[in-house]
Amino acid sequence: MTQPLLQLDKKSFHHGTLESPRIKKLLAFLRERGTTGATPFDMIANCGTTRPTSDISELRANGIAIDCEFERNTDTERKVFRYRLA
């Protein structure tokens, strides 16, 4: 008999606060980019983060509304998404 998947509630997600220098830097960068938004590569290059999509999740967990839009596929068929403040 298989066991059910572990269900995690939202309270179990440990995230940084808006006081975190890393999160502050990304939020300021996204504000600066405005409607242009940023790809994960943009975030890595400009904010020095090594985990841009996790940082986006942390911003969302702190109540920051962020839109995500599919932009394109790379030559190697990897999907590229663009994130912007909602």
Protein backbone atom coordinates (compact mmCIF):
# COMPACT_ATOMS: atom_id res chain seq x y z
CA MET A 1 0.00 0.00 0.00
CA THR A 2 1.39 3.43 -0.94
CA GLN A 3 1.46 6.30 1.48
CA PRO A 4 -0.21 9.61 0.59
CA LEU A 5 2.01 12.50 -0.40
CA LEU A 6 3.06 14.77 2.43
CA GLN A 7 0.81 17.84 2.50
CA LEU A 8 2.56 21.03 3.60
CA ASP A 9 0.58 24.03 4.66
CA LYS A 10 1.69 27.56 3.79
CA LYS A 11 2.87 28.17 7.34
CA SER A 12 5.64 25.58 6.89
CA PHE A 13 7.33 27.62 4.14
CA HIS A 14 10.22 29.46 5.78
CA HIS A 15 10.90 32.66 3.90
CA GLY A 16 12.99 35.78 4.35
CA THR A 17 11.42 39.05 5.38
CA LEU A 18 11.29 42.28 3.44
CA GLU A 19 14.13 43.42 5.71
CA SER A 20 16.49 40.86 4.15
CA PRO A 21 19.16 42.68 2.09
CA ARG A 22 18.79 40.07 -0.69
CA ILE A 23 15.02 40.49 -0.86
CA LYS A 24 15.27 44.30 -0.62
CA LYS A 25 17.72 44.37 -3.53
CA LEU A 26 15.47 42.24 -5.75
CA LEU A 27 12.37 44.27 -4.87
CA ALA A 28 14.17 47.54 -5.68
CA PHE A 29 15.41 46.05 -8.96
CA LEU A 30 11.90 44.95 -9.99
CA ARG A 31 10.54 48.40 -9.08
CA GLU A 32 13.27 50.01 -11.20
CA ARG A 33 12.44 47.74 -14.16
CA GLY A 34 8.76 48.71 -14.05
CA THR A 35 6.61 47.19 -16.78
CA THR A 36 9.69 45.73 -18.49
CA GLY A 37 10.14 43.27 -15.64
CA ALA A 38 13.05 40.87 -15.48
CA THR A 39 14.01 37.34 -16.39
CA PRO A 40 15.81 35.10 -13.89
CA PHE A 41 19.03 35.79 -15.82
CA ASP A 42 18.47 39.55 -15.38
CA MET A 43 18.02 38.99 -11.64
CA ILE A 44 21.19 36.90 -11.41
CA ALA A 45 23.23 39.45 -13.37
CA ASN A 46 21.92 42.54 -11.56
CA CYS A 47 21.12 41.36 -8.04
CA GLY A 48 23.73 38.67 -7.54
CA THR A 49 21.14 36.13 -6.46
CA THR A 50 21.80 32.47 -7.14
CA ARG A 51 18.16 31.48 -6.78
CA PRO A 52 15.96 34.07 -8.45
CA THR A 53 12.73 32.07 -8.60
CA SER A 54 13.00 31.18 -4.90
CA ASP A 55 13.50 34.86 -4.15
CA ILE A 56 10.34 35.64 -6.16
CA SER A 57 8.48 33.10 -3.99
CA GLU A 58 9.78 34.84 -0.89
CA LEU A 59 8.53 38.21 -2.14
CA ARG A 60 5.12 36.67 -2.82
CA ALA A 61 5.08 35.09 0.65
CA ASN A 62 5.58 38.61 2.02
CA GLY A 63 2.51 39.87 0.18
CA ILE A 64 4.20 41.37 -2.89
CA ALA A 65 2.11 40.71 -6.02
CA ILE A 66 4.29 39.53 -8.91
CA ASP A 67 3.12 38.53 -12.37
CA CYS A 68 4.91 35.86 -14.38
CA GLU A 69 4.68 35.67 -18.16
CA PHE A 70 6.16 33.15 -20.57
CA GLU A 71 8.54 34.99 -22.87
CA ARG A 72 10.19 32.47 -25.19
CA ASN A 73 12.04 29.20 -25.59
CA THR A 74 15.82 29.27 -25.89
CA ASP A 75 17.69 27.54 -28.70
CA THR A 76 17.92 24.52 -26.40
CA GLU A 77 14.14 24.62 -25.73
CA ARG A 78 14.42 25.95 -22.18
CA LYS A 79 11.52 28.16 -21.18
CA VAL A 80 12.24 31.77 -20.25
CA PHE A 81 9.78 33.66 -18.06
CA ARG A 82 9.59 37.37 -17.24
CA TYR A 83 8.58 38.57 -13.78
CA ARG A 84 7.17 42.01 -12.99
CA LEU A 85 5.47 43.69 -10.08
CA ALA A 86 1.70 43.52 -10.46
